[in-house]
Amino acid sequence: MGRRERRIIEELKIKQGDTWRVLKIMSEFVRGFDELSDLGPAVTFFGSSRFSEDNKYYKLAYETAFLLGRRGFAIITGGGPGIMEAANRGAKDSGAVSVGLNIDIPKEQIPNRYQTVSLRFDYFFVRKVMLMKYALAYVIFPGGFGTFDELFEALTLIQTGKSHKFPLILFGKEFWDNFLKFLRETLLSFKTIDEEDLNLVKVVDKPEEVLEIVLERSKEKYHYLKEYYKEETEYMKKIKEVIKNR
């Protein structure tokens, strides 16, 4: 077999592999959309996978998720340990839907046992879509690279108009103060962001503050949908249910 024939065969193998990869990606999207389409109003939590249950932010994430869950919000996390476990745990204990969107990675991602809806993904970008698509708000606890990746992904999509605006709630002033200082004193001073971009995030220290922001967002979302749809959808009914006793 000549060099040209071998090259053609190798190219066909690569193309076939890409085709199957595309189909696998599509199947992950379809499965995610199908499983979560009836979820109702939800809040997505991010934060370190390395916090144990005696960490104060683990406890605060649990309390925040419990508070939201008791009001009728579903809770979505990446399905792993740490803050994700705390949020799923708080949701489950409150009787709310507790969603874990798990990812296969070599380290740290061990699915927690507090998920009432559990999905597994091979592709980070598919998982990111699911984490964002069904969320009324993000609650972002102290974390590492993955947490910042999700935060900046959301900030970029909102800033560029590729996503509707929704609350990005940074929990823990002591952790986020230097980050916000960097945004103001470096990015803003170098004119790589605008002043209004700083308003895309809110910083809180109490679970009750998170609930207040999410309820306000829910009210805004309901009125927006009411103008858009002629008849009240099932999703709108679920939003109205969580805000009716406000």
C-alpha atoms as a PDB file:
ATOM      1  CA  MET A   1       0.000   0.000   0.000  1.00  0.00           C
ATOM      2  CA  GLY A   2       1.387   3.369  -1.028  1.00  0.00           C
ATOM      3  CA  ARG A   3       1.754   6.522   1.042  1.00  0.00           C
ATOM      4  CA  ARG A   4      -1.268   8.177  -0.624  1.00  0.00           C
ATOM      5  CA  GLU A   5      -3.563   5.227   0.154  1.00  0.00           C
ATOM      6  CA  ARG A   6      -2.415   5.119   3.793  1.00  0.00           C
ATOM      7  CA  ARG A   7      -3.080   8.849   4.146  1.00  0.00           C
ATOM      8  CA  ILE A   8      -6.601   8.471   2.734  1.00  0.00           C
ATOM      9  CA  ILE A   9      -7.345   5.645   5.204  1.00  0.00           C
ATOM     10  CA  GLU A  10      -6.067   7.696   8.145  1.00  0.00           C
ATOM     11  CA  GLU A  11      -8.182  10.667   7.060  1.00  0.00           C
ATOM     12  CA  LEU A  12     -11.280   8.472   6.866  1.00  0.00           C
ATOM     13  CA  LYS A  13     -10.614   7.133  10.359  1.00  0.00           C
ATOM     14  CA  ILE A  14     -10.321  10.674  11.735  1.00  0.00           C
ATOM     15  CA  LYS A  15     -13.493  11.820   9.972  1.00  0.00           C
ATOM     16  CA  GLN A  16     -15.415   8.801  11.210  1.00  0.00           C
ATOM     17  CA  GLY A  17     -14.236   9.519  14.749  1.00  0.00           C
ATOM     18  CA  ASP A  18     -15.380  13.138  14.488  1.00  0.00           C
ATOM     19  CA  THR A  19     -18.769  12.049  13.184  1.00  0.00           C
ATOM     20  CA  TRP A  20     -19.363   9.734  16.122  1.00  0.00           C
ATOM     21  CA  ARG A  21     -18.132  12.436  18.495  1.00  0.00           C
ATOM     22  CA  VAL A  22     -20.701  14.878  17.094  1.00  0.00           C
ATOM     23  CA  LEU A  23     -23.458  12.301  17.557  1.00  0.00           C
ATOM     24  CA  LYS A  24     -22.349  11.694  21.134  1.00  0.00           C
ATOM     25  CA  ILE A  25     -22.385  15.429  21.841  1.00  0.00           C
ATOM     26  CA  MET A  26     -25.877  15.679  20.359  1.00  0.00           C
ATOM     27  CA  SER A  27     -27.075  12.784  22.488  1.00  0.00           C
ATOM     28  CA  GLU A  28     -25.834  14.536  25.652  1.00  0.00           C
ATOM     29  CA  PHE A  29     -27.732  17.692  24.704  1.00  0.00           C
ATOM     30  CA  VAL A  30     -30.910  15.773  23.889  1.00  0.00           C
ATOM     31  CA  ARG A  31     -30.770  13.786  27.137  1.00  0.00           C
ATOM     32  CA  GLY A  32     -30.148  16.921  29.191  1.00  0.00           C
ATOM     33  CA  PHE A  33     -32.955  18.889  27.559  1.00  0.00           C
ATOM     34  CA  ASP A  34     -35.326  15.979  27.921  1.00  0.00           C
ATOM     35  CA  GLU A  35     -34.566  15.394  31.607  1.00  0.00           C
ATOM     36  CA  LEU A  36     -34.661  19.046  32.656  1.00  0.00           C
ATOM     37  CA  SER A  37     -37.354  20.532  30.422  1.00  0.00           C
ATOM     38  CA  ASP A  38     -40.002  20.355  33.171  1.00  0.00           C
ATOM     39  CA  LEU A  39     -37.726  21.431  35.990  1.00  0.00           C
ATOM     40  CA  GLY A  40     -39.330  24.754  36.815  1.00  0.00           C
ATOM     41  CA  PRO A  41     -37.556  27.728  38.439  1.00  0.00           C
ATOM     42  CA  ALA A  42     -34.070  26.734  39.533  1.00  0.00           C
ATOM     43  CA  VAL A  43     -30.893  28.187  41.016  1.00  0.00           C
ATOM     44  CA  THR A  44     -27.424  26.918  40.131  1.00  0.00           C
ATOM     45  CA  PHE A  45     -24.686  26.675  42.773  1.00  0.00           C
ATOM     46  CA  PHE A  46     -20.931  26.741  42.187  1.00  0.00           C
ATOM     47  CA  GLY A  47     -17.998  26.506  44.575  1.00  0.00           C
ATOM     48  CA  SER A  48     -15.046  24.465  45.695  1.00  0.00           C
ATOM     49  CA  SER A  49     -15.251  20.678  45.622  1.00  0.00           C
ATOM     50  CA  ARG A  50     -12.625  20.566  48.392  1.00  0.00           C
ATOM     51  CA  PHE A  51     -14.641  21.939  51.304  1.00  0.00           C
ATOM     52  CA  SER A  52     -15.627  19.398  53.962  1.00  0.00           C
ATOM     53  CA  GLU A  53     -18.882  19.564  55.892  1.00  0.00           C
ATOM     54  CA  ASP A  54     -17.224  21.354  58.816  1.00  0.00           C
ATOM     55  CA  ASN A  55     -16.211  24.258  56.553  1.00  0.00           C
ATOM     56  CA  LYS A  56     -18.309  27.386  57.145  1.00  0.00           C
ATOM     57  CA  TYR A  57     -19.055  27.828  53.457  1.00  0.00           C
ATOM     58  CA  TYR A  58     -20.287  24.242  53.203  1.00  0.00           C
ATOM     59  CA  LYS A  59     -22.716  25.042  56.024  1.00  0.00           C
ATOM     60  CA  LEU A  60     -23.787  28.317  54.423  1.00  0.00           C
ATOM     61  CA  ALA A  61     -24.298  26.655  51.030  1.00  0.00           C
ATOM     62  CA  TYR A  62     -26.469  24.031  52.712  1.00  0.00           C
ATOM     63  CA  GLU A  63     -28.500  26.706  54.489  1.00  0.00           C
ATOM     64  CA  THR A  64     -28.909  28.765  51.320  1.00  0.00           C
ATOM     65  CA  ALA A  65     -30.044  25.792  49.235  1.00  0.00           C
ATOM     66  CA  PHE A  66     -32.419  24.672  51.995  1.00  0.00           C
ATOM     67  CA  LEU A  67     -33.946  28.148  52.154  1.00  0.00           C
ATOM     68  CA  LEU A  68     -34.414  28.318  48.390  1.00  0.00           C
ATOM     69  CA  GLY A  69     -35.665  24.747  48.204  1.00  0.00           C
ATOM     70  CA  ARG A  70     -38.257  25.350  50.882  1.00  0.00           C
ATOM     71  CA  ARG A  71     -39.647  28.184  48.774  1.00  0.00           C
ATOM     72  CA  GLY A  72     -40.000  25.838  45.806  1.00  0.00           C
ATOM     73  CA  PHE A  73     -36.838  26.425  43.788  1.00  0.00           C
ATOM     74  CA  ALA A  74     -35.001  23.475  42.301  1.00  0.00           C
ATOM     75  CA  ILE A  75     -31.267  23.433  43.001  1.00  0.00           C
ATOM     76  CA  ILE A  76     -28.705  22.595  40.311  1.00  0.00           C
ATOM     77  CA  THR A  77     -25.046  21.783  40.930  1.00  0.00           C
ATOM     78  CA  GLY A  78     -22.159  20.054  39.218  1.00  0.00           C
ATOM     79  CA  GLY A  79     -22.968  16.974  41.288  1.00  0.00           C
ATOM     80  CA  GLY A  80     -19.635  16.622  43.073  1.00  0.00           C
ATOM     81  CA  PRO A  81     -18.436  17.039  46.672  1.00  0.00           C
ATOM     82  CA  GLY A  82     -17.843  20.236  48.657  1.00  0.00           C
ATOM     83  CA  ILE A  83     -20.166  23.151  47.901  1.00  0.00           C
ATOM     84  CA  MET A  84     -22.002  21.058  45.316  1.00  0.00           C
ATOM     85  CA  GLU A  85     -22.734  18.376  47.892  1.00  0.00           C
ATOM     86  CA  ALA A  86     -23.825  20.974  50.439  1.00  0.00           C
ATOM     87  CA  ALA A  87     -26.282  22.555  47.991  1.00  0.00           C
ATOM     88  CA  ASN A  88     -27.697  19.220  46.841  1.00  0.00           C
ATOM     89  CA  ARG A  89     -27.988  18.157  50.449  1.00  0.00           C
ATOM     90  CA  GLY A  90     -29.848  21.319  51.446  1.00  0.00           C
ATOM     91  CA  ALA A  91     -32.185  20.940  48.485  1.00  0.00           C
ATOM     92  CA  LYS A  92     -32.951  17.310  49.220  1.00  0.00           C
ATOM     93  CA  ASP A  93     -33.546  17.957  52.926  1.00  0.00           C
ATOM     94  CA  SER A  94     -35.968  20.760  52.047  1.00  0.00           C
ATOM     95  CA  GLY A  95     -37.948  18.470  49.747  1.00  0.00           C
ATOM     96  CA  ALA A  96     -36.918  20.322  46.581  1.00  0.00           C
ATOM     97  CA  VAL A  97     -35.651  18.846  43.343  1.00  0.00           C
ATOM     98  CA  SER A  98     -31.882  18.355  43.710  1.00  0.00           C
ATOM     99  CA  VAL A  99     -30.114  18.164  40.343  1.00  0.00           C
ATOM    100  CA  GLY A 100     -26.534  16.975  39.886  1.00  0.00           C
ATOM    101  CA  LEU A 101     -24.885  17.445  36.506  1.00  0.00           C
ATOM    102  CA  ASN A 102     -21.863  15.205  36.911  1.00  0.00           C
ATOM    103  CA  ILE A 103     -18.732  15.240  34.761  1.00  0.00           C
ATOM    104  CA  ASP A 104     -16.158  12.525  34.152  1.00  0.00           C
ATOM    105  CA  ILE A 105     -12.736  13.882  35.161  1.00  0.00           C
ATOM    106  CA  PRO A 106      -9.684  12.115  36.612  1.00  0.00           C
ATOM    107  CA  LYS A 107      -9.711  13.958  39.960  1.00  0.00           C
ATOM    108  CA  GLU A 108     -12.213  15.248  42.515  1.00  0.00           C
ATOM    109  CA  GLN A 109     -15.494  14.518  40.718  1.00  0.00           C
ATOM    110  CA  ILE A 110     -17.179  11.916  42.891  1.00  0.00           C
ATOM    111  CA  PRO A 111     -20.984  12.195  42.584  1.00  0.00           C
ATOM    112  CA  ASN A 112     -22.581  13.113  45.896  1.00  0.00           C
ATOM    113  CA  ARG A 113     -25.488  11.077  47.253  1.00  0.00           C
ATOM    114  CA  TYR A 114     -27.961  13.939  47.628  1.00  0.00           C
ATOM    115  CA  GLN A 115     -29.123  14.130  44.018  1.00  0.00           C
ATOM    116  CA  THR A 116     -32.730  13.370  43.151  1.00  0.00           C
ATOM    117  CA  VAL A 117     -32.000  13.973  39.461  1.00  0.00           C
ATOM    118  CA  SER A 118     -28.567  12.859  38.305  1.00  0.00           C
ATOM    119  CA  LEU A 119     -27.045  13.230  34.840  1.00  0.00           C
ATOM    120  CA  ARG A 120     -23.526  12.403  33.649  1.00  0.00           C
ATOM    121  CA  PHE A 121     -21.619  14.297  30.957  1.00  0.00           C
ATOM    122  CA  ASP A 122     -18.372  13.707  29.100  1.00  0.00           C
ATOM    123  CA  TYR A 123     -18.163  17.222  27.670  1.00  0.00           C
ATOM    124  CA  PHE A 124     -17.725  20.294  29.832  1.00  0.00           C
ATOM    125  CA  PHE A 125     -19.344  22.638  27.313  1.00  0.00           C
ATOM    126  CA  VAL A 126     -22.545  20.560  27.177  1.00  0.00           C
ATOM    127  CA  ARG A 127     -22.674  20.535  30.960  1.00  0.00           C
ATOM    128  CA  LYS A 128     -22.161  24.309  31.029  1.00  0.00           C
ATOM    129  CA  VAL A 129     -25.192  24.830  28.813  1.00  0.00           C
ATOM    130  CA  MET A 130     -27.318  22.751  31.176  1.00  0.00           C
ATOM    131  CA  LEU A 131     -26.016  24.586  34.248  1.00  0.00           C
ATOM    132  CA  MET A 132     -26.989  27.923  32.711  1.00  0.00           C
ATOM    133  CA  LYS A 133     -30.085  27.196  30.624  1.00  0.00           C
ATOM    134  CA  TYR A 134     -32.407  26.321  33.495  1.00  0.00           C
ATOM    135  CA  ALA A 135     -31.095  28.761  36.121  1.00  0.00           C
ATOM    136  CA  LEU A 136     -32.787  31.953  37.269  1.00  0.00           C
ATOM    137  CA  ALA A 137     -29.592  32.863  39.122  1.00  0.00           C
ATOM    138  CA  TYR A 138     -26.075  31.666  39.904  1.00  0.00           C
ATOM    139  CA  VAL A 139     -24.885  31.476  43.498  1.00  0.00           C
ATOM    140  CA  ILE A 140     -21.105  31.329  43.446  1.00  0.00           C
ATOM    141  CA  PHE A 141     -19.281  30.338  46.607  1.00  0.00           C
ATOM    142  CA  PRO A 142     -15.493  30.445  47.082  1.00  0.00           C
ATOM    143  CA  GLY A 143     -13.788  28.052  44.700  1.00  0.00           C
ATOM    144  CA  GLY A 144     -10.913  27.372  42.357  1.00  0.00           C
ATOM    145  CA  PHE A 145     -10.316  27.306  38.619  1.00  0.00           C
ATOM    146  CA  GLY A 146     -13.596  25.574  37.774  1.00  0.00           C
ATOM    147  CA  THR A 147     -15.619  28.058  39.808  1.00  0.00           C
ATOM    148  CA  PHE A 148     -13.921  31.034  38.156  1.00  0.00           C
ATOM    149  CA  ASP A 149     -14.334  29.419  34.753  1.00  0.00           C
ATOM    150  CA  GLU A 150     -18.093  29.243  35.253  1.00  0.00           C
ATOM    151  CA  LEU A 151     -18.227  32.800  36.608  1.00  0.00           C
ATOM    152  CA  PHE A 152     -16.298  34.306  33.698  1.00  0.00           C
ATOM    153  CA  GLU A 153     -18.251  32.233  31.192  1.00  0.00           C
ATOM    154  CA  ALA A 154     -21.484  33.710  32.522  1.00  0.00           C
ATOM    155  CA  LEU A 155     -20.027  37.229  32.715  1.00  0.00           C
ATOM    156  CA  THR A 156     -18.821  37.025  29.114  1.00  0.00           C
ATOM    157  CA  LEU A 157     -22.145  35.759  27.776  1.00  0.00           C
ATOM    158  CA  ILE A 158     -24.090  38.476  29.580  1.00  0.00           C
ATOM    159  CA  GLN A 159     -21.611  41.234  28.679  1.00  0.00           C
ATOM    160  CA  THR A 160     -21.701  40.321  24.979  1.00  0.00           C
ATOM    161  CA  GLY A 161     -25.480  39.948  24.889  1.00  0.00           C
ATOM    162  CA  LYS A 162     -25.365  36.231  24.128  1.00  0.00           C
ATOM    163  CA  SER A 163     -27.313  35.525  27.308  1.00  0.00           C
ATOM    164  CA  HIS A 164     -30.117  37.375  29.069  1.00  0.00           C
ATOM    165  CA  LYS A 165     -29.080  39.141  32.251  1.00  0.00           C
ATOM    166  CA  PHE A 166     -29.545  37.138  35.413  1.00  0.00           C
ATOM    167  CA  PRO A 167     -28.102  37.519  38.930  1.00  0.00           C
ATOM    168  CA  LEU A 168     -24.531  36.371  39.512  1.00  0.00           C
ATOM    169  CA  ILE A 169     -24.404  36.231  43.308  1.00  0.00           C
ATOM    170  CA  LEU A 170     -20.956  36.029  44.872  1.00  0.00           C
ATOM    171  CA  PHE A 171     -21.236  34.547  48.368  1.00  0.00           C
ATOM    172  CA  GLY A 172     -18.569  35.546  50.890  1.00  0.00           C
ATOM    173  CA  LYS A 173     -17.182  39.088  50.894  1.00  0.00           C
ATOM    174  CA  GLU A 174     -13.914  38.038  52.512  1.00  0.00           C
ATOM    175  CA  PHE A 175     -13.168  35.771  49.538  1.00  0.00           C
ATOM    176  CA  TRP A 176     -14.418  38.011  46.740  1.00  0.00           C
ATOM    177  CA  ASP A 177     -13.156  41.428  47.916  1.00  0.00           C
ATOM    178  CA  ASN A 178      -9.721  41.071  46.301  1.00  0.00           C
ATOM    179  CA  PHE A 179     -11.293  39.774  43.099  1.00  0.00           C
ATOM    180  CA  LEU A 180     -13.563  42.820  42.895  1.00  0.00           C
ATOM    181  CA  LYS A 181     -10.601  45.051  43.727  1.00  0.00           C
ATOM    182  CA  PHE A 182      -8.720  43.496  40.789  1.00  0.00           C
ATOM    183  CA  LEU A 183     -11.669  44.195  38.490  1.00  0.00           C
ATOM    184  CA  ARG A 184     -11.842  47.812  39.594  1.00  0.00           C
ATOM    185  CA  GLU A 185      -8.175  48.699  39.940  1.00  0.00           C
ATOM    186  CA  THR A 186      -6.744  46.682  37.060  1.00  0.00           C
ATOM    187  CA  LEU A 187      -9.309  45.756  34.418  1.00  0.00           C
ATOM    188  CA  LEU A 188     -11.294  48.968  34.731  1.00  0.00           C
ATOM    189  CA  SER A 189      -8.209  51.188  34.961  1.00  0.00           C
ATOM    190  CA  PHE A 190      -6.779  49.555  31.831  1.00  0.00           C
ATOM    191  CA  LYS A 191     -10.187  50.055  30.171  1.00  0.00           C
ATOM    192  CA  THR A 192     -10.568  46.363  29.340  1.00  0.00           C
ATOM    193  CA  ILE A 193     -14.047  46.455  30.912  1.00  0.00           C
ATOM    194  CA  ASP A 194     -16.620  49.220  31.415  1.00  0.00           C
ATOM    195  CA  GLU A 195     -17.901  50.641  34.685  1.00  0.00           C
ATOM    196  CA  GLU A 196     -21.319  49.072  34.105  1.00  0.00           C
ATOM    197  CA  ASP A 197     -19.740  45.603  33.854  1.00  0.00           C
ATOM    198  CA  LEU A 198     -18.992  45.774  37.577  1.00  0.00           C
ATOM    199  CA  ASN A 199     -22.744  45.816  38.203  1.00  0.00           C
ATOM    200  CA  LEU A 200     -23.161  42.337  36.743  1.00  0.00           C
ATOM    201  CA  VAL A 201     -22.261  40.734  40.091  1.00  0.00           C
ATOM    202  CA  LYS A 202     -23.732  41.083  43.565  1.00  0.00           C
ATOM    203  CA  VAL A 203     -21.844  40.200  46.750  1.00  0.00           C
ATOM    204  CA  VAL A 204     -23.653  38.790  49.788  1.00  0.00           C
ATOM    205  CA  ASP A 205     -22.851  37.199  53.128  1.00  0.00           C
ATOM    206  CA  LYS A 206     -26.215  35.768  54.190  1.00  0.00           C
ATOM    207  CA  PRO A 207     -28.539  33.098  52.751  1.00  0.00           C
ATOM    208  CA  GLU A 208     -31.490  35.473  53.231  1.00  0.00           C
ATOM    209  CA  GLU A 209     -29.854  37.959  50.868  1.00  0.00           C
ATOM    210  CA  VAL A 210     -29.643  35.273  48.198  1.00  0.00           C
ATOM    211  CA  LEU A 211     -33.317  34.421  48.623  1.00  0.00           C
ATOM    212  CA  GLU A 212     -34.308  38.082  48.305  1.00  0.00           C
ATOM    213  CA  ILE A 213     -32.348  38.523  45.063  1.00  0.00           C
ATOM    214  CA  VAL A 214     -33.700  35.294  43.562  1.00  0.00           C
ATOM    215  CA  LEU A 215     -37.287  36.174  44.468  1.00  0.00           C
ATOM    216  CA  GLU A 216     -36.894  39.583  42.853  1.00  0.00           C
ATOM    217  CA  ARG A 217     -35.469  37.955  39.730  1.00  0.00           C
ATOM    218  CA  SER A 218     -38.358  35.477  39.690  1.00  0.00           C
ATOM    219  CA  LYS A 219     -40.846  38.323  39.782  1.00  0.00           C
ATOM    220  CA  GLU A 220     -39.092  40.055  36.871  1.00  0.00           C
ATOM    221  CA  LYS A 221     -38.973  36.812  34.905  1.00  0.00           C
ATOM    222  CA  TYR A 222     -42.683  36.158  35.442  1.00  0.00           C
ATOM    223  CA  HIS A 223     -43.696  39.632  34.203  1.00  0.00           C
ATOM    224  CA  TYR A 224     -41.428  39.275  31.184  1.00  0.00           C
ATOM    225  CA  LEU A 225     -42.945  35.915  30.253  1.00  0.00           C
ATOM    226  CA  LYS A 226     -46.444  37.234  30.848  1.00  0.00           C
ATOM    227  CA  GLU A 227     -45.883  39.857  28.159  1.00  0.00           C
ATOM    228  CA  TYR A 228     -44.310  37.331  25.806  1.00  0.00           C
ATOM    229  CA  TYR A 229     -46.854  34.496  26.020  1.00  0.00           C
ATOM    230  CA  LYS A 230     -50.580  34.826  25.397  1.00  0.00           C
ATOM    231  CA  GLU A 231     -51.401  32.064  27.888  1.00  0.00           C
ATOM    232  CA  GLU A 232     -49.773  31.137  31.161  1.00  0.00           C
ATOM    233  CA  THR A 233     -47.328  28.269  30.682  1.00  0.00           C
ATOM    234  CA  GLU A 234     -46.546  25.550  33.216  1.00  0.00           C
ATOM    235  CA  TYR A 235     -43.212  27.198  33.915  1.00  0.00           C
ATOM    236  CA  MET A 236     -44.944  30.515  34.607  1.00  0.00           C
ATOM    237  CA  LYS A 237     -47.325  28.788  36.999  1.00  0.00           C
ATOM    238  CA  LYS A 238     -44.380  27.357  38.915  1.00  0.00           C
ATOM    239  CA  ILE A 239     -42.702  30.765  39.146  1.00  0.00           C
ATOM    240  CA  LYS A 240     -45.920  32.344  40.386  1.00  0.00           C
ATOM    241  CA  GLU A 241     -46.172  29.661  43.027  1.00  0.00           C
ATOM    242  CA  VAL A 242     -42.743  30.457  44.510  1.00  0.00           C
ATOM    243  CA  ILE A 243     -43.346  34.217  44.631  1.00  0.00           C
ATOM    244  CA  LYS A 244     -47.009  34.348  45.658  1.00  0.00           C
ATOM    245  CA  ASN A 245     -46.293  34.418  49.402  1.00  0.00           C
ATOM    246  CA  ARG A 246     -43.553  37.004  49.167  1.00  0.00           C
END
